[in-house]
Amino acid sequence: MTILKHEIRQGRNSLIIWAAVIALMLGVCILIYPEMGEQVNELSGAFANMGGFSAAFGMDKINFGEFMGFFSVECGNVLGLGGAFFAALIGISVLAKEEKEHTAEFLLTHPVSRTKVVLQKWVSVLVQIVILNLAAVAVTVITMQMIGESADIKPMFLMFFAYLIMQVETAAVCFGISAFIGGGGLGLGLGLAALFYFLNIIANLTESAKFLKYITPFGYTDGADIITNGRIETGYLAVGIMITIAGIAAAFVKYRRKDIM
């Protein structure tokens, strides 16, 4: 547990900053809804008929003027993209930094197996992602109470759950990559998270690109689909879980055999 505690302590400041920024942006989005609600409600029909733009963000399936529709588009993008960036950053660096900072030799001289090193580092990633999402949920509930809004519990829960799983998948993919690189992968992690986001937008634009939803973890986080169907798309989610497992497995296999200099 020493490595786990060390990783969480080492990433504490970054976690606080990311959680605070994402939670603050979520809170602001919710707090401005009463002022924007009436105006947006009048324009909801126009938003729904803007062709590819509407399809890209799911506004052709929901009423953007209602709170759940507004939340899924505005707040969903904040938590989705911000959470993915955070997950990618901690996932891509947690193993690679040992070589970059030349601390691997010191770490691996201790009586702890490489398997336990990888396991505790992965658990530290999960703990940080969960804390980030708990902060987001807490701020969402508080600000909703402040403006006197309520929401359907099931779709709201499913949206937050989908974002959590998406962040775990993104982190797992980056975690697997981090075992193969020797440092300097932050740009790669951020780029991968951004790529996942835009692949989902492309998939929403045309039926011929729908297969991309099986590749990107954002495929099962579309708030419009969750609100409309009342569930997370299990096909996309199942593939996402398999990719998550593959990423974690790759990290374990590679790091155990890796020649660390």
Protein backbone atom coordinates (compact mmCIF):
# COMPACT_ATOMS: atom_id res chain seq x y z
CA MET A 1 0.00 0.00 0.00
CA THR A 2 3.04 2.28 0.30
CA ILE A 3 3.22 2.88 -3.46
CA LEU A 4 -0.52 3.54 -3.63
CA LYS A 5 -0.34 6.15 -0.87
CA HIS A 6 2.73 7.72 -2.44
CA GLU A 7 1.07 8.03 -5.85
CA ILE A 8 -2.07 9.61 -4.42
CA ARG A 9 0.00 11.99 -2.29
CA GLN A 10 2.20 12.88 -5.26
CA GLY A 11 -0.80 13.57 -7.50
CA ARG A 12 -2.81 15.38 -4.83
CA ASN A 13 -2.24 18.92 -6.10
CA SER A 14 -3.01 18.01 -9.70
CA LEU A 15 -6.16 16.19 -8.61
CA ILE A 16 -7.36 19.14 -6.53
CA ILE A 17 -6.82 21.57 -9.41
CA TRP A 18 -8.52 19.39 -12.03
CA ALA A 19 -11.42 18.50 -9.74
CA ALA A 20 -11.90 22.13 -8.72
CA VAL A 21 -11.83 23.43 -12.29
CA ILE A 22 -14.19 20.79 -13.68
CA ALA A 23 -16.57 21.09 -10.72
CA LEU A 24 -16.52 24.89 -10.96
CA MET A 25 -17.33 24.81 -14.68
CA LEU A 26 -20.15 22.33 -14.05
CA GLY A 27 -21.51 24.55 -11.30
CA VAL A 28 -21.40 27.65 -13.48
CA CYS A 29 -23.17 25.84 -16.34
CA ILE A 30 -25.98 24.80 -14.01
CA LEU A 31 -26.26 28.18 -12.29
CA ILE A 32 -26.71 30.04 -15.57
CA TYR A 33 -29.42 27.66 -16.77
CA PRO A 34 -32.36 29.67 -15.29
CA GLU A 35 -31.23 32.77 -17.16
CA MET A 36 -30.61 30.90 -20.39
CA GLY A 37 -33.47 28.43 -20.10
CA GLU A 38 -36.23 30.63 -21.48
CA GLN A 39 -34.11 31.97 -24.32
CA VAL A 40 -32.77 28.55 -25.24
CA ASN A 41 -36.24 27.02 -25.05
CA GLU A 42 -37.38 29.39 -27.81
CA LEU A 43 -34.41 28.37 -29.93
CA SER A 44 -34.63 24.66 -29.17
CA GLY A 45 -36.45 23.92 -32.41
CA ALA A 46 -33.81 25.78 -34.38
CA PHE A 47 -31.01 23.89 -32.62
CA ALA A 48 -32.71 20.60 -33.46
CA ASN A 49 -32.78 21.43 -37.17
CA MET A 50 -29.21 22.53 -37.77
CA GLY A 51 -28.28 19.39 -39.67
CA GLY A 52 -24.88 17.96 -38.93
CA PHE A 53 -24.22 20.32 -36.03
CA SER A 54 -27.35 19.11 -34.23
CA ALA A 55 -26.50 15.46 -34.87
CA ALA A 56 -22.92 15.89 -33.70
CA PHE A 57 -24.04 16.94 -30.22
CA GLY A 58 -27.30 14.99 -30.06
CA MET A 59 -29.49 18.10 -30.11
CA ASP A 60 -31.72 16.51 -32.74
CA LYS A 61 -32.90 13.94 -30.15
CA ILE A 62 -33.51 16.06 -27.05
CA ASN A 63 -35.07 19.35 -26.02
CA PHE A 64 -32.10 21.62 -25.37
CA GLY A 65 -34.40 24.04 -23.55
CA GLU A 66 -35.20 21.52 -20.80
CA PHE A 67 -32.75 21.05 -17.95
CA MET A 68 -31.80 17.45 -18.78
CA GLY A 69 -31.20 18.35 -22.42
CA PHE A 70 -29.16 21.40 -21.42
CA PHE A 71 -27.19 19.38 -18.88
CA SER A 72 -26.38 16.54 -21.28
CA VAL A 73 -24.96 18.92 -23.90
CA GLU A 74 -23.31 21.72 -21.92
CA CYS A 75 -22.33 20.00 -18.67
CA GLY A 76 -21.75 16.67 -20.38
CA ASN A 77 -19.04 18.15 -22.58
CA VAL A 78 -17.35 19.73 -19.56
CA LEU A 79 -17.19 16.49 -17.57
CA GLY A 80 -16.62 14.29 -20.61
CA LEU A 81 -13.75 16.17 -22.21
CA GLY A 82 -12.24 17.49 -18.97
CA GLY A 83 -12.46 14.09 -17.31
CA ALA A 84 -10.95 12.36 -20.33
CA PHE A 85 -7.98 14.75 -20.36
CA PHE A 86 -7.38 14.19 -16.65
CA ALA A 87 -7.66 10.41 -16.98
CA ALA A 88 -5.29 10.41 -19.96
CA LEU A 89 -2.71 12.53 -18.15
CA ILE A 90 -2.52 10.37 -15.04
CA GLY A 91 -2.76 7.13 -17.02
CA ILE A 92 0.04 7.96 -19.46
CA SER A 93 2.45 9.20 -16.80
CA VAL A 94 2.00 6.85 -13.86
CA LEU A 95 4.42 4.17 -15.12
CA ALA A 96 6.52 6.14 -17.60
CA LYS A 97 7.53 8.80 -15.06
CA GLU A 98 9.69 6.32 -13.14
CA GLU A 99 12.11 6.17 -16.06
CA LYS A 100 11.78 9.84 -16.92
CA GLU A 101 12.57 10.92 -13.35
CA HIS A 102 15.18 8.15 -12.89
CA THR A 103 13.42 6.74 -9.84
CA ALA A 104 12.75 3.26 -11.26
CA GLU A 105 16.04 1.83 -10.01
CA PHE A 106 15.31 3.00 -6.47
CA LEU A 107 11.71 1.75 -6.59
CA LEU A 108 12.54 -1.69 -7.92
CA THR A 109 15.31 -2.33 -5.39
CA HIS A 110 12.66 -2.53 -2.68
CA PRO A 111 11.18 -5.93 -1.73
CA VAL A 112 8.10 -5.52 -3.90
CA SER A 113 7.32 -7.31 -7.14
CA ARG A 114 6.72 -5.49 -10.39
CA THR A 115 3.21 -6.92 -10.42
CA LYS A 116 2.44 -5.19 -7.13
CA VAL A 117 4.01 -1.96 -8.42
CA VAL A 118 1.73 -1.96 -11.47
CA LEU A 119 -1.31 -2.98 -9.43
CA GLN A 120 -0.90 -0.23 -6.84
CA LYS A 121 -0.22 2.39 -9.49
CA TRP A 122 -3.37 1.36 -11.38
CA VAL A 123 -5.44 1.48 -8.20
CA SER A 124 -4.10 5.01 -7.56
CA VAL A 125 -5.36 6.02 -11.01
CA LEU A 126 -8.81 4.60 -10.23
CA VAL A 127 -8.96 6.34 -6.85
CA GLN A 128 -8.15 9.72 -8.39
CA ILE A 129 -10.75 9.29 -11.14
CA VAL A 130 -13.42 8.34 -8.58
CA ILE A 131 -12.59 11.37 -6.42
CA LEU A 132 -12.84 13.67 -9.43
CA ASN A 133 -16.26 12.30 -10.31
CA LEU A 134 -17.52 12.45 -6.72
CA ALA A 135 -16.60 16.15 -6.67
CA ALA A 136 -18.49 16.65 -9.94
CA VAL A 137 -21.58 14.87 -8.61
CA ALA A 138 -21.50 16.82 -5.33
CA VAL A 139 -21.29 20.20 -7.08
CA THR A 140 -24.02 19.19 -9.52
CA VAL A 141 -26.40 18.25 -6.70
CA ILE A 142 -25.64 21.40 -4.70
CA THR A 143 -26.04 23.80 -7.63
CA MET A 144 -29.25 22.09 -8.76
CA GLN A 145 -30.65 22.67 -5.30
CA MET A 146 -29.54 26.30 -5.44
CA ILE A 147 -31.53 26.99 -8.62
CA GLY A 148 -34.46 24.81 -7.57
CA GLU A 149 -34.09 22.34 -10.42
CA SER A 150 -34.71 18.62 -10.28
CA ALA A 151 -33.77 15.88 -12.70
CA ASP A 152 -34.76 12.32 -13.48
CA ILE A 153 -32.50 10.26 -11.24
CA LYS A 154 -32.03 7.30 -13.58
CA PRO A 155 -30.73 9.11 -16.70
CA MET A 156 -28.65 11.45 -14.53
CA PHE A 157 -27.08 8.47 -12.74
CA LEU A 158 -26.47 6.68 -16.05
CA MET A 159 -24.77 9.74 -17.53
CA PHE A 160 -22.39 10.11 -14.59
CA PHE A 161 -21.73 6.36 -14.60
CA ALA A 162 -20.99 6.42 -18.34
CA TYR A 163 -18.53 9.30 -17.90
CA LEU A 164 -16.82 7.42 -15.06
CA ILE A 165 -16.41 4.27 -17.17
CA MET A 166 -15.25 6.35 -20.13
CA GLN A 167 -12.52 7.95 -18.01
CA VAL A 168 -11.45 4.56 -16.69
CA GLU A 169 -11.22 3.22 -20.25
CA THR A 170 -9.23 6.24 -21.42
CA ALA A 171 -6.89 5.88 -18.44
CA ALA A 172 -6.51 2.13 -19.09
CA VAL A 173 -5.51 2.67 -22.72
CA CYS A 174 -2.97 5.31 -21.69
CA PHE A 175 -1.82 3.12 -18.79
CA GLY A 176 -1.05 0.34 -21.22
CA ILE A 177 0.87 2.73 -23.47
CA SER A 178 2.82 4.12 -20.51
CA ALA A 179 4.41 0.72 -19.92
CA PHE A 180 5.96 0.87 -23.41
CA ILE A 181 7.39 4.39 -23.28
CA GLY A 182 10.17 5.91 -21.23
CA GLY A 183 8.57 9.26 -20.48
CA GLY A 184 7.38 12.37 -22.27
CA GLY A 185 3.98 10.93 -23.14
CA LEU A 186 1.76 13.75 -21.88
CA GLY A 187 1.15 15.08 -25.38
CA LEU A 188 0.33 11.59 -26.57
CA GLY A 189 -2.20 11.12 -23.76
CA LEU A 190 -3.94 14.45 -24.40
CA GLY A 191 -3.95 13.82 -28.13
CA LEU A 192 -5.49 10.39 -27.66
CA ALA A 193 -8.26 11.80 -25.43
CA ALA A 194 -9.01 14.51 -28.00
CA LEU A 195 -9.02 11.92 -30.79
CA PHE A 196 -11.58 9.82 -28.90
CA TYR A 197 -13.80 12.89 -28.50
CA PHE A 198 -13.73 13.86 -32.17
CA LEU A 199 -14.21 10.28 -33.36
CA ASN A 200 -17.53 10.29 -31.52
CA ILE A 201 -18.55 13.57 -33.18
CA ILE A 202 -17.72 12.07 -36.59
CA ALA A 203 -19.72 8.94 -35.71
CA ASN A 204 -22.74 11.13 -34.88
CA LEU A 205 -22.56 12.94 -38.20
CA THR A 206 -23.16 10.01 -40.50
CA GLU A 207 -24.44 6.44 -40.33
CA SER A 208 -21.49 5.20 -42.37
CA ALA A 209 -19.15 6.21 -39.53
CA LYS A 210 -21.25 4.66 -36.75
CA PHE A 211 -18.69 1.88 -36.31
CA LEU A 212 -16.36 4.46 -34.74
CA LYS A 213 -18.51 4.35 -31.62
CA TYR A 214 -17.05 0.92 -30.94
CA ILE A 215 -13.57 2.46 -30.95
CA THR A 216 -14.10 5.59 -28.88
CA PRO A 217 -15.15 5.45 -25.21
CA PHE A 218 -17.27 8.54 -25.85
CA GLY A 219 -19.56 6.28 -27.90
CA TYR A 220 -21.55 5.20 -24.83
CA THR A 221 -21.54 8.59 -23.08
CA ASP A 222 -23.92 10.44 -25.43
CA GLY A 223 -26.40 12.07 -23.09
CA ALA A 224 -28.99 12.34 -25.85
CA ASP A 225 -28.96 8.56 -26.38
CA ILE A 226 -29.07 7.85 -22.64
CA ILE A 227 -32.00 10.23 -22.07
CA THR A 228 -33.89 8.98 -25.13
CA ASN A 229 -33.34 5.25 -24.56
CA GLY A 230 -33.15 5.26 -20.77
CA ARG A 231 -30.00 3.10 -20.84
CA ILE A 232 -26.36 2.97 -21.84
CA GLU A 233 -25.74 1.31 -25.19
CA THR A 234 -24.53 -2.12 -24.06
CA GLY A 235 -22.78 -2.98 -27.31
CA TYR A 236 -20.46 0.02 -27.13
CA LEU A 237 -20.01 -0.45 -23.38
CA ALA A 238 -19.05 -4.13 -23.75
CA VAL A 239 -16.34 -3.29 -26.28
CA GLY A 240 -15.15 -0.50 -24.00
CA ILE A 241 -14.80 -2.90 -21.08
CA MET A 242 -12.79 -5.30 -23.24
CA ILE A 243 -10.48 -2.46 -24.35
CA THR A 244 -10.07 -1.45 -20.69
CA ILE A 245 -9.06 -4.97 -19.71
CA ALA A 246 -6.67 -5.19 -22.67
CA GLY A 247 -4.99 -1.91 -21.70
CA ILE A 248 -4.49 -3.00 -18.10
CA ALA A 249 -3.27 -6.46 -19.15
CA ALA A 250 -0.77 -4.93 -21.59
CA ALA A 251 0.66 -2.76 -18.81
CA PHE A 252 1.12 -5.75 -16.50
CA VAL A 253 2.70 -7.97 -19.16
CA LYS A 254 5.06 -5.33 -20.56
CA TYR A 255 6.17 -3.80 -17.26
CA ARG A 256 7.03 -7.21 -15.78
CA ARG A 257 9.38 -7.92 -18.70
CA LYS A 258 10.59 -4.41 -19.34
CA ASP A 259 14.31 -3.63 -19.22
CA ILE A 260 14.21 -0.46 -17.13
CA MET A 261 17.27 1.72 -17.34
